[in-house]
PDB file of N, CA and C in Angstrom:
ATOM      1  N   GLN A   1      80.833 123.660 120.590  1.00  0.00           N
ATOM      2  CA  GLN A   1      81.969 122.984 121.199  1.00  0.00           C
ATOM      3  C   GLN A   1      83.109 123.284 120.789  1.00  0.00           C
ATOM      4  N   SER A   2      83.521 123.270 119.317  1.00  0.00           N
ATOM      5  CA  SER A   2      84.786 123.793 118.867  1.00  0.00           C
ATOM      6  C   SER A   2      85.101 124.995 118.875  1.00  0.00           C
ATOM      7  N   LEU A   3      84.479 126.143 118.740  1.00  0.00           N
ATOM      8  CA  LEU A   3      84.468 127.491 119.221  1.00  0.00           C
ATOM      9  C   LEU A   3      84.941 127.759 120.741  1.00  0.00           C
ATOM     10  N   CYS A   4      84.290 127.049 121.439  1.00  0.00           N
ATOM     11  CA  CYS A   4      84.575 127.027 122.962  1.00  0.00           C
ATOM     12  C   CYS A   4      85.864 126.522 123.297  1.00  0.00           C
ATOM     13  N   GLU A   5      86.513 125.701 122.714  1.00  0.00           N
ATOM     14  CA  GLU A   5      87.705 125.090 122.888  1.00  0.00           C
ATOM     15  C   GLU A   5      88.563 125.795 122.131  1.00  0.00           C
ATOM     16  N   ARG A   6      88.436 126.161 121.175  1.00  0.00           N
ATOM     17  CA  ARG A   6      89.544 127.118 120.179  1.00  0.00           C
ATOM     18  C   ARG A   6      89.701 128.445 121.409  1.00  0.00           C
ATOM     19  N   ARG A   7      88.817 128.794 121.987  1.00  0.00           N
ATOM     20  CA  ARG A   7      89.209 130.003 122.925  1.00  0.00           C
ATOM     21  C   ARG A   7      89.843 129.588 124.300  1.00  0.00           C
ATOM     22  N   GLY A   8      89.932 128.193 124.296  1.00  0.00           N
ATOM     23  CA  GLY A   8      90.702 128.268 125.421  1.00  0.00           C
ATOM     24  C   GLY A   8      89.904 127.794 126.604  1.00  0.00           C
ATOM     25  N   CYS A   9      88.540 127.531 126.368  1.00  0.00           N
ATOM     26  CA  CYS A   9      87.375 127.383 127.395  1.00  0.00           C
ATOM     27  C   CYS A   9      87.134 126.020 127.748  1.00  0.00           C
ATOM     28  N   CYS A  10      86.243 125.701 128.438  1.00  0.00           N
ATOM     29  CA  CYS A  10      86.105 124.329 129.195  1.00  0.00           C
ATOM     30  C   CYS A  10      84.752 123.943 128.245  1.00  0.00           C
ATOM     31  N   TRP A  11      84.565 122.713 128.060  1.00  0.00           N
ATOM     32  CA  TRP A  11      83.296 122.100 127.441  1.00  0.00           C
ATOM     33  C   TRP A  11      82.602 121.430 128.235  1.00  0.00           C
ATOM     34  N   SER A  12      81.393 121.509 128.920  1.00  0.00           N
ATOM     35  CA  SER A  12      81.006 120.466 129.711  1.00  0.00           C
ATOM     36  C   SER A  12      79.548 120.492 129.417  1.00  0.00           C
ATOM     37  N   PRO A  13      78.797 119.485 128.611  1.00  0.00           N
ATOM     38  CA  PRO A  13      77.279 119.647 128.547  1.00  0.00           C
ATOM     39  C   PRO A  13      76.555 119.311 129.609  1.00  0.00           C
ATOM     40  N   GLN A  14      75.574 119.913 130.307  1.00  0.00           N
ATOM     41  CA  GLN A  14      74.586 119.476 131.193  1.00  0.00           C
ATOM     42  C   GLN A  14      73.449 119.120 130.805  1.00  0.00           C
ATOM     43  N   SER A  15      72.671 118.290 131.490  1.00  0.00           N
ATOM     44  CA  SER A  15      71.427 118.083 131.254  1.00  0.00           C
ATOM     45  C   SER A  15      70.534 119.479 131.635  1.00  0.00           C
ATOM     46  N   ASP A  16      70.770 120.406 132.855  1.00  0.00           N
ATOM     47  CA  ASP A  16      70.213 121.775 132.918  1.00  0.00           C
ATOM     48  C   ASP A  16      70.446 122.483 132.090  1.00  0.00           C
ATOM     49  N   THR A  17      69.587 123.133 131.220  1.00  0.00           N
ATOM     50  CA  THR A  17      69.737 124.020 130.227  1.00  0.00           C
ATOM     51  C   THR A  17      70.193 125.325 130.699  1.00  0.00           C
ATOM     52  N   ALA A  18      69.793 125.350 132.204  1.00  0.00           N
ATOM     53  CA  ALA A  18      70.012 126.971 132.661  1.00  0.00           C
ATOM     54  C   ALA A  18      71.773 127.198 133.010  1.00  0.00           C
ATOM     55  N   VAL A  19      72.444 125.900 132.794  1.00  0.00           N
ATOM     56  CA  VAL A  19      73.847 125.829 133.411  1.00  0.00           C
ATOM     57  C   VAL A  19      74.709 126.161 131.980  1.00  0.00           C
ATOM     58  N   PRO A  20      75.688 127.080 132.216  1.00  0.00           N
ATOM     59  CA  PRO A  20      76.182 127.131 130.691  1.00  0.00           C
ATOM     60  C   PRO A  20      77.377 125.816 130.594  1.00  0.00           C
ATOM     61  N   TRP A  21      77.108 125.414 129.176  1.00  0.00           N
ATOM     62  CA  TRP A  21      78.150 124.165 128.795  1.00  0.00           C
ATOM     63  C   TRP A  21      79.584 124.934 128.621  1.00  0.00           C
ATOM     64  N   CYS A  22      79.931 126.273 128.308  1.00  0.00           N
ATOM     65  CA  CYS A  22      80.847 126.502 127.894  1.00  0.00           C
ATOM     66  C   CYS A  22      81.569 127.589 128.990  1.00  0.00           C
ATOM     67  N   PHE A  23      82.585 127.611 129.700  1.00  0.00           N
ATOM     68  CA  PHE A  23      82.872 128.230 130.715  1.00  0.00           C
ATOM     69  C   PHE A  23      84.456 128.412 131.260  1.00  0.00           C
ATOM     70  N   PHE A  24      84.966 129.799 131.395  1.00  0.00           N
ATOM     71  CA  PHE A  24      86.263 129.724 131.611  1.00  0.00           C
ATOM     72  C   PHE A  24      86.854 128.789 132.676  1.00  0.00           C
ATOM     73  N   SER A  25      87.999 128.202 132.459  1.00  0.00           N
ATOM     74  CA  SER A  25      88.698 127.502 133.647  1.00  0.00           C
ATOM     75  C   SER A  25      89.333 128.348 134.721  1.00  0.00           C
ATOM     76  N   SER A  26      89.682 127.824 135.630  1.00  0.00           N
ATOM     77  CA  SER A  26      89.811 128.481 136.831  1.00  0.00           C
ATOM     78  C   SER A  26      91.203 129.271 136.783  1.00  0.00           C
ATOM     79  N   ASN A  27      92.025 129.216 135.716  1.00  0.00           N
ATOM     80  CA  ASN A  27      93.324 129.810 135.236  1.00  0.00           C
ATOM     81  C   ASN A  27      93.059 131.251 134.695  1.00  0.00           C
ATOM     82  N   HIS A  28      91.716 131.531 134.295  1.00  0.00           N
ATOM     83  CA  HIS A  28      91.449 132.630 133.959  1.00  0.00           C
ATOM     84  C   HIS A  28      91.286 133.914 134.458  1.00  0.00           C
ATOM     85  N   GLY A  29      91.361 135.461 133.816  1.00  0.00           N
ATOM     86  CA  GLY A  29      90.903 135.994 134.779  1.00  0.00           C
ATOM     87  C   GLY A  29      91.741 136.732 135.691  1.00  0.00           C
ATOM     88  N   TYR A  30      91.762 137.313 136.740  1.00  0.00           N
ATOM     89  CA  TYR A  30      92.615 138.110 137.670  1.00  0.00           C
ATOM     90  C   TYR A  30      92.645 137.688 139.134  1.00  0.00           C
ATOM     91  N   LYS A  31      93.334 137.839 139.878  1.00  0.00           N
ATOM     92  CA  LYS A  31      93.439 137.216 141.558  1.00  0.00           C
ATOM     93  C   LYS A  31      94.151 138.743 141.999  1.00  0.00           C
ATOM     94  N   VAL A  32      93.524 138.702 143.401  1.00  0.00           N
ATOM     95  CA  VAL A  32      94.196 139.668 144.296  1.00  0.00           C
ATOM     96  C   VAL A  32      95.577 139.665 144.420  1.00  0.00           C
ATOM     97  N   ASP A  33      96.153 140.777 144.161  1.00  0.00           N
ATOM     98  CA  ASP A  33      97.516 140.921 144.339  1.00  0.00           C
ATOM     99  C   ASP A  33      97.929 141.681 145.635  1.00  0.00           C
ATOM    100  N   GLY A  34      98.256 141.258 146.713  1.00  0.00           N
ATOM    101  CA  GLY A  34      98.676 141.952 147.619  1.00  0.00           C
ATOM    102  C   GLY A  34      97.131 141.882 148.615  1.00  0.00           C
ATOM    103  N   GLU A  35      96.917 143.231 149.889  1.00  0.00           N
ATOM    104  CA  GLU A  35      96.042 143.008 150.715  1.00  0.00           C
ATOM    105  C   GLU A  35      95.150 144.128 150.243  1.00  0.00           C
ATOM    106  N   LEU A  36      93.652 144.058 150.727  1.00  0.00           N
ATOM    107  CA  LEU A  36      92.582 144.815 150.476  1.00  0.00           C
ATOM    108  C   LEU A  36      93.042 146.153 151.343  1.00  0.00           C
ATOM    109  N   ARG A  37      92.835 147.481 150.679  1.00  0.00           N
ATOM    110  CA  ARG A  37      93.087 148.583 151.458  1.00  0.00           C
ATOM    111  C   ARG A  37      91.957 149.123 151.683  1.00  0.00           C
ATOM    112  N   ASP A  38      91.343 149.350 152.901  1.00  0.00           N
ATOM    113  CA  ASP A  38      90.132 150.117 153.365  1.00  0.00           C
ATOM    114  C   ASP A  38      90.264 151.618 152.777  1.00  0.00           C
ATOM    115  N   THR A  39      88.735 151.962 152.786  1.00  0.00           N
ATOM    116  CA  THR A  39      88.535 153.287 152.225  1.00  0.00           C
ATOM    117  C   THR A  39      87.580 153.909 152.775  1.00  0.00           C
ATOM    118  N   ALA A  40      87.273 155.054 152.852  1.00  0.00           N
ATOM    119  CA  ALA A  40      86.233 155.452 153.550  1.00  0.00           C
ATOM    120  C   ALA A  40      84.842 155.018 152.896  1.00  0.00           C
ATOM    121  N   GLU A  41      84.775 154.720 151.667  1.00  0.00           N
ATOM    122  CA  GLU A  41      83.720 154.406 150.761  1.00  0.00           C
ATOM    123  C   GLU A  41      83.657 152.812 151.059  1.00  0.00           C
ATOM    124  N   GLY A  42      84.676 152.082 150.998  1.00  0.00           N
ATOM    125  CA  GLY A  42      84.764 150.744 150.992  1.00  0.00           C
ATOM    126  C   GLY A  42      86.162 150.210 151.030  1.00  0.00           C
ATOM    127  N   PHE A  43      86.666 149.635 150.065  1.00  0.00           N
ATOM    128  CA  PHE A  43      87.951 149.405 149.698  1.00  0.00           C
ATOM    129  C   PHE A  43      88.423 149.096 148.657  1.00  0.00           C
ATOM    130  N   GLN A  44      89.703 149.138 148.333  1.00  0.00           N
ATOM    131  CA  GLN A  44      90.343 148.991 146.990  1.00  0.00           C
ATOM    132  C   GLN A  44      91.538 147.779 147.110  1.00  0.00           C
ATOM    133  N   ALA A  45      91.829 147.048 145.729  1.00  0.00           N
ATOM    134  CA  ALA A  45      92.614 146.161 145.747  1.00  0.00           C
ATOM    135  C   ALA A  45      93.242 146.271 144.311  1.00  0.00           C
ATOM    136  N   THR A  46      94.406 145.577 144.084  1.00  0.00           N
ATOM    137  CA  THR A  46      95.176 145.460 142.835  1.00  0.00           C
ATOM    138  C   THR A  46      95.033 144.082 142.562  1.00  0.00           C
ATOM    139  N   LEU A  47      94.587 143.991 141.323  1.00  0.00           N
ATOM    140  CA  LEU A  47      94.249 142.781 140.564  1.00  0.00           C
ATOM    141  C   LEU A  47      95.175 142.356 139.701  1.00  0.00           C
ATOM    142  N   ARG A  48      95.921 141.094 139.690  1.00  0.00           N
ATOM    143  CA  ARG A  48      96.786 141.148 138.513  1.00  0.00           C
ATOM    144  C   ARG A  48      96.136 139.741 137.674  1.00  0.00           C
ATOM    145  N   ARG A  49      96.753 139.967 136.265  1.00  0.00           N
ATOM    146  CA  ARG A  49      95.888 139.082 135.237  1.00  0.00           C
ATOM    147  C   ARG A  49      96.772 137.700 135.486  1.00  0.00           C
ATOM    148  N   LEU A  50      96.149 136.373 135.562  1.00  0.00           N
ATOM    149  CA  LEU A  50      96.334 135.155 135.456  1.00  0.00           C
ATOM    150  C   LEU A  50      96.931 134.701 134.152  1.00  0.00           C
ATOM    151  N   SER A  51      98.148 134.189 134.037  1.00  0.00           N
ATOM    152  CA  SER A  51      98.657 133.878 132.877  1.00  0.00           C
ATOM    153  C   SER A  51      97.759 132.532 132.250  1.00  0.00           C
ATOM    154  N   SER A  52      97.278 133.229 131.013  1.00  0.00           N
ATOM    155  CA  SER A  52      96.178 132.234 130.500  1.00  0.00           C
ATOM    156  C   SER A  52      96.102 132.948 128.812  1.00  0.00           C
ATOM    157  N   PRO A  53      95.414 132.267 128.042  1.00  0.00           N
ATOM    158  CA  PRO A  53      95.320 132.911 127.013  1.00  0.00           C
ATOM    159  C   PRO A  53      94.534 134.164 126.662  1.00  0.00           C
ATOM    160  N   SER A  54      94.969 135.158 125.716  1.00  0.00           N
ATOM    161  CA  SER A  54      93.857 136.288 125.593  1.00  0.00           C
ATOM    162  C   SER A  54      93.224 136.109 124.684  1.00  0.00           C
ATOM    163  N   LEU A  55      91.738 136.533 125.274  1.00  0.00           N
ATOM    164  CA  LEU A  55      90.656 136.365 124.323  1.00  0.00           C
ATOM    165  C   LEU A  55      90.477 137.757 123.213  1.00  0.00           C
ATOM    166  N   PHE A  56      90.928 138.864 123.660  1.00  0.00           N
ATOM    167  CA  PHE A  56      90.685 139.975 123.011  1.00  0.00           C
ATOM    168  C   PHE A  56      91.830 140.583 122.498  1.00  0.00           C
ATOM    169  N   GLY A  57      93.307 140.384 123.010  1.00  0.00           N
ATOM    170  CA  GLY A  57      94.404 141.102 123.159  1.00  0.00           C
ATOM    171  C   GLY A  57      94.521 142.442 124.089  1.00  0.00           C
ATOM    172  N   ALA A  58      95.936 142.851 123.766  1.00  0.00           N
ATOM    173  CA  ALA A  58      95.948 144.136 124.718  1.00  0.00           C
ATOM    174  C   ALA A  58      95.394 143.994 126.127  1.00  0.00           C
ATOM    175  N   ASP A  59      95.634 142.969 126.992  1.00  0.00           N
ATOM    176  CA  ASP A  59      95.385 142.745 128.247  1.00  0.00           C
ATOM    177  C   ASP A  59      95.824 143.718 129.380  1.00  0.00           C
ATOM    178  N   VAL A  60      95.359 144.137 130.066  1.00  0.00           N
ATOM    179  CA  VAL A  60      95.987 145.022 131.222  1.00  0.00           C
ATOM    180  C   VAL A  60      96.678 143.980 131.995  1.00  0.00           C
ATOM    181  N   ASP A  61      97.663 143.983 132.565  1.00  0.00           N
ATOM    182  CA  ASP A  61      97.915 142.882 133.637  1.00  0.00           C
ATOM    183  C   ASP A  61      97.850 143.310 134.979  1.00  0.00           C
ATOM    184  N   ALA A  62      97.727 144.600 135.161  1.00  0.00           N
ATOM    185  CA  ALA A  62      97.148 144.857 136.849  1.00  0.00           C
ATOM    186  C   ALA A  62      96.201 145.935 136.589  1.00  0.00           C
ATOM    187  N   VAL A  63      95.014 145.641 137.542  1.00  0.00           N
ATOM    188  CA  VAL A  63      94.037 146.789 137.649  1.00  0.00           C
ATOM    189  C   VAL A  63      93.577 147.100 138.560  1.00  0.00           C
ATOM    190  N   LEU A  64      92.959 148.165 138.994  1.00  0.00           N
ATOM    191  CA  LEU A  64      92.644 148.422 140.256  1.00  0.00           C
ATOM    192  C   LEU A  64      90.992 148.218 140.484  1.00  0.00           C
ATOM    193  N   LEU A  65      90.774 147.300 141.538  1.00  0.00           N
ATOM    194  CA  LEU A  65      89.288 147.105 142.038  1.00  0.00           C
ATOM    195  C   LEU A  65      89.041 148.349 142.989  1.00  0.00           C
ATOM    196  N   THR A  66      87.892 149.002 142.650  1.00  0.00           N
ATOM    197  CA  THR A  66      87.340 150.193 143.864  1.00  0.00           C
ATOM    198  C   THR A  66      86.000 149.817 144.209  1.00  0.00           C
ATOM    199  N   ALA A  67      86.006 149.502 145.464  1.00  0.00           N
ATOM    200  CA  ALA A  67      84.473 149.023 145.655  1.00  0.00           C
ATOM    201  C   ALA A  67      84.021 150.099 146.716  1.00  0.00           C
ATOM    202  N   GLN A  68      82.430 150.153 146.937  1.00  0.00           N
ATOM    203  CA  GLN A  68      82.002 151.178 147.462  1.00  0.00           C
ATOM    204  C   GLN A  68      80.706 150.241 147.897  1.00  0.00           C
ATOM    205  N   HIS A  69      80.722 150.615 149.458  1.00  0.00           N
ATOM    206  CA  HIS A  69      79.494 150.216 150.226  1.00  0.00           C
ATOM    207  C   HIS A  69      78.116 151.420 150.470  1.00  0.00           C
ATOM    208  N   GLN A  70      77.688 151.837 149.140  1.00  0.00           N
ATOM    209  CA  GLN A  70      77.058 152.953 149.087  1.00  0.00           C
ATOM    210  C   GLN A  70      75.592 153.160 150.081  1.00  0.00           C
ATOM    211  N   THR A  71      75.336 151.827 150.031  1.00  0.00           N
ATOM    212  CA  THR A  71      74.109 151.804 150.800  1.00  0.00           C
ATOM    213  C   THR A  71      73.973 150.560 151.215  1.00  0.00           C
ATOM    214  N   PRO A  72      72.967 150.120 152.063  1.00  0.00           N
ATOM    215  CA  PRO A  72      72.736 148.784 152.829  1.00  0.00           C
ATOM    216  C   PRO A  72      72.250 147.717 151.781  1.00  0.00           C
ATOM    217  N   ASN A  73      71.876 148.362 150.495  1.00  0.00           N
ATOM    218  CA  ASN A  73      71.458 147.539 149.459  1.00  0.00           C
ATOM    219  C   ASN A  73      71.790 147.756 148.161  1.00  0.00           C
ATOM    220  N   ARG A  74      73.065 148.576 148.225  1.00  0.00           N
ATOM    221  CA  ARG A  74      73.593 148.882 146.948  1.00  0.00           C
ATOM    222  C   ARG A  74      75.392 148.930 147.214  1.00  0.00           C
ATOM    223  N   PHE A  75      75.959 148.019 146.316  1.00  0.00           N
ATOM    224  CA  PHE A  75      77.331 147.779 146.225  1.00  0.00           C
ATOM    225  C   PHE A  75      77.974 148.042 144.695  1.00  0.00           C
ATOM    226  N   ARG A  76      78.664 149.343 144.624  1.00  0.00           N
ATOM    227  CA  ARG A  76      79.189 149.455 143.322  1.00  0.00           C
ATOM    228  C   ARG A  76      80.664 148.921 143.413  1.00  0.00           C
ATOM    229  N   PHE A  77      81.188 148.583 141.919  1.00  0.00           N
ATOM    230  CA  PHE A  77      82.788 148.240 141.960  1.00  0.00           C
ATOM    231  C   PHE A  77      82.959 148.867 140.731  1.00  0.00           C
ATOM    232  N   LYS A  78      84.218 149.085 140.486  1.00  0.00           N
ATOM    233  CA  LYS A  78      84.910 149.784 139.307  1.00  0.00           C
ATOM    234  C   LYS A  78      86.043 149.242 138.911  1.00  0.00           C
ATOM    235  N   ILE A  79      86.187 148.546 137.627  1.00  0.00           N
ATOM    236  CA  ILE A  79      87.688 148.171 137.514  1.00  0.00           C
ATOM    237  C   ILE A  79      88.238 149.292 136.496  1.00  0.00           C
ATOM    238  N   THR A  80      89.478 149.602 137.050  1.00  0.00           N
ATOM    239  CA  THR A  80      90.208 150.957 135.920  1.00  0.00           C
ATOM    240  C   THR A  80      91.677 150.014 135.736  1.00  0.00           C
ATOM    241  N   ASP A  81      92.306 150.795 134.937  1.00  0.00           N
ATOM    242  CA  ASP A  81      93.661 150.686 134.431  1.00  0.00           C
ATOM    243  C   ASP A  81      94.296 151.859 135.436  1.00  0.00           C
ATOM    244  N   PRO A  82      95.166 151.104 136.393  1.00  0.00           N
ATOM    245  CA  PRO A  82      95.713 152.382 137.125  1.00  0.00           C
ATOM    246  C   PRO A  82      96.960 153.054 136.358  1.00  0.00           C
ATOM    247  N   LYS A  83      97.357 152.571 135.062  1.00  0.00           N
ATOM    248  CA  LYS A  83      98.452 153.588 134.636  1.00  0.00           C
ATOM    249  C   LYS A  83      97.935 154.095 133.226  1.00  0.00           C
ATOM    250  N   THR A  84      96.777 154.088 133.167  1.00  0.00           N
ATOM    251  CA  THR A  84      96.405 154.645 131.532  1.00  0.00           C
ATOM    252  C   THR A  84      94.801 155.250 131.945  1.00  0.00           C
ATOM    253  N   GLN A  85      94.690 156.652 132.090  1.00  0.00           N
ATOM    254  CA  GLN A  85      93.424 157.109 132.273  1.00  0.00           C
ATOM    255  C   GLN A  85      92.396 156.623 130.750  1.00  0.00           C
ATOM    256  N   ARG A  86      91.322 156.419 131.044  1.00  0.00           N
ATOM    257  CA  ARG A  86      90.415 155.913 129.726  1.00  0.00           C
ATOM    258  C   ARG A  86      89.192 156.879 129.868  1.00  0.00           C
ATOM    259  N   PHE A  87      88.519 157.062 128.671  1.00  0.00           N
ATOM    260  CA  PHE A  87      87.335 158.132 128.708  1.00  0.00           C
ATOM    261  C   PHE A  87      86.156 156.963 129.614  1.00  0.00           C
ATOM    262  N   GLU A  88      85.361 157.767 130.279  1.00  0.00           N
ATOM    263  CA  GLU A  88      84.299 157.126 130.923  1.00  0.00           C
ATOM    264  C   GLU A  88      83.094 157.786 130.414  1.00  0.00           C
ATOM    265  N   VAL A  89      82.078 157.262 130.059  1.00  0.00           N
ATOM    266  CA  VAL A  89      80.870 158.021 129.939  1.00  0.00           C
ATOM    267  C   VAL A  89      80.393 158.417 130.758  1.00  0.00           C
ATOM    268  N   PRO A  90      79.984 159.850 130.780  1.00  0.00           N
ATOM    269  CA  PRO A  90      79.233 160.846 131.743  1.00  0.00           C
ATOM    270  C   PRO A  90      78.031 160.260 132.199  1.00  0.00           C
ATOM    271  N   HIS A  91      77.479 160.375 133.095  1.00  0.00           N
ATOM    272  CA  HIS A  91      76.088 159.792 133.420  1.00  0.00           C
ATOM    273  C   HIS A  91      75.365 160.827 134.270  1.00  0.00           C
ATOM    274  N   GLU A  92      74.628 161.440 133.560  1.00  0.00           N
ATOM    275  CA  GLU A  92      73.813 162.663 134.303  1.00  0.00           C
ATOM    276  C   GLU A  92      72.958 162.556 135.454  1.00  0.00           C
ATOM    277  N   HIS A  93      72.781 161.093 135.863  1.00  0.00           N
ATOM    278  CA  HIS A  93      71.635 160.913 137.196  1.00  0.00           C
ATOM    279  C   HIS A  93      72.722 160.649 138.380  1.00  0.00           C
ATOM    280  N   VAL A  94      73.955 160.083 137.932  1.00  0.00           N
ATOM    281  CA  VAL A  94      74.603 159.194 138.940  1.00  0.00           C
ATOM    282  C   VAL A  94      75.902 160.278 139.207  1.00  0.00           C
ATOM    283  N   GLY A  95      75.727 160.674 140.623  1.00  0.00           N
ATOM    284  CA  GLY A  95      76.918 161.480 140.902  1.00  0.00           C
ATOM    285  C   GLY A  95      77.793 160.554 141.770  1.00  0.00           C
ATOM    286  N   PRO A  96      79.143 161.616 142.150  1.00  0.00           N
ATOM    287  CA  PRO A  96      80.184 160.880 142.772  1.00  0.00           C
ATOM    288  C   PRO A  96      79.607 160.539 143.946  1.00  0.00           C
ATOM    289  N   PHE A  97      80.218 159.125 144.694  1.00  0.00           N
ATOM    290  CA  PHE A  97      80.086 158.778 145.951  1.00  0.00           C
ATOM    291  C   PHE A  97      81.047 159.334 146.808  1.00  0.00           C
ATOM    292  N   GLY A  98      80.595 160.113 147.746  1.00  0.00           N
ATOM    293  CA  GLY A  98      81.723 160.528 148.777  1.00  0.00           C
ATOM    294  C   GLY A  98      82.111 159.794 150.305  1.00  0.00           C
ATOM    295  N   GLY A  99      81.326 158.834 150.441  1.00  0.00           N
ATOM    296  CA  GLY A  99      81.088 158.120 151.722  1.00  0.00           C
ATOM    297  C   GLY A  99      80.336 158.810 152.720  1.00  0.00           C
ATOM    298  N   PRO A 100      80.263 158.538 153.882  1.00  0.00           N
ATOM    299  CA  PRO A 100      80.789 156.909 154.055  1.00  0.00           C
ATOM    300  C   PRO A 100      80.510 155.598 153.753  1.00  0.00           C
ATOM    301  N   ALA A 101      81.164 154.919 153.984  1.00  0.00           N
ATOM    302  CA  ALA A 101      80.301 153.322 153.463  1.00  0.00           C
ATOM    303  C   ALA A 101      79.667 153.356 154.689  1.00  0.00           C
ATOM    304  N   ALA A 102      78.412 152.292 154.138  1.00  0.00           N
ATOM    305  CA  ALA A 102      77.158 152.056 155.047  1.00  0.00           C
ATOM    306  C   ALA A 102      77.890 150.754 155.933  1.00  0.00           C
ATOM    307  N   SER A 103      77.377 150.688 156.947  1.00  0.00           N
ATOM    308  CA  SER A 103      77.862 149.870 157.926  1.00  0.00           C
ATOM    309  C   SER A 103      76.774 148.769 157.903  1.00  0.00           C
ATOM    310  N   ASN A 104      75.459 148.917 157.658  1.00  0.00           N
ATOM    311  CA  ASN A 104      74.482 147.880 158.004  1.00  0.00           C
ATOM    312  C   ASN A 104      74.267 146.914 156.498  1.00  0.00           C
ATOM    313  N   ILE A 105      75.169 146.716 155.883  1.00  0.00           N
ATOM    314  CA  ILE A 105      75.186 146.325 154.795  1.00  0.00           C
ATOM    315  C   ILE A 105      73.980 144.733 154.855  1.00  0.00           C
ATOM    316  N   SER A 106      73.569 144.497 153.854  1.00  0.00           N
ATOM    317  CA  SER A 106      72.634 143.062 153.618  1.00  0.00           C
ATOM    318  C   SER A 106      73.496 142.362 152.743  1.00  0.00           C
ATOM    319  N   TYR A 107      74.521 142.275 152.468  1.00  0.00           N
ATOM    320  CA  TYR A 107      75.394 141.796 151.308  1.00  0.00           C
ATOM    321  C   TYR A 107      76.576 141.484 151.737  1.00  0.00           C
ATOM    322  N   ARG A 108      77.193 140.225 151.164  1.00  0.00           N
ATOM    323  CA  ARG A 108      78.575 139.880 151.454  1.00  0.00           C
ATOM    324  C   ARG A 108      79.467 139.960 150.270  1.00  0.00           C
ATOM    325  N   VAL A 109      80.707 140.557 150.382  1.00  0.00           N
ATOM    326  CA  VAL A 109      81.507 140.797 149.192  1.00  0.00           C
ATOM    327  C   VAL A 109      82.641 139.621 149.294  1.00  0.00           C
TER     328      VAL A 109
END
């Protein structure tokens, strides 16, 4: 409990052991800044960091969410720093997706 509260998280013991007792409050994380932008593969959105204590330091204030509706059953999202390119581990079995976005998706985002 004390570690949870020192991190600035909420502590709420539950009778259901499958429910986390330590969790972020609603002022942690990121929020969509502006409108969603449609792309051939899905959509993009700029996310802005909410004012909250930092857990790890060196937080990125604005990130880019890129979403792809690759198939009716597969949704891919990627969060990147639009100002700084970072190393990405190459994956030999997953190539780039060029669209178009699946139209008969079986999920909601």
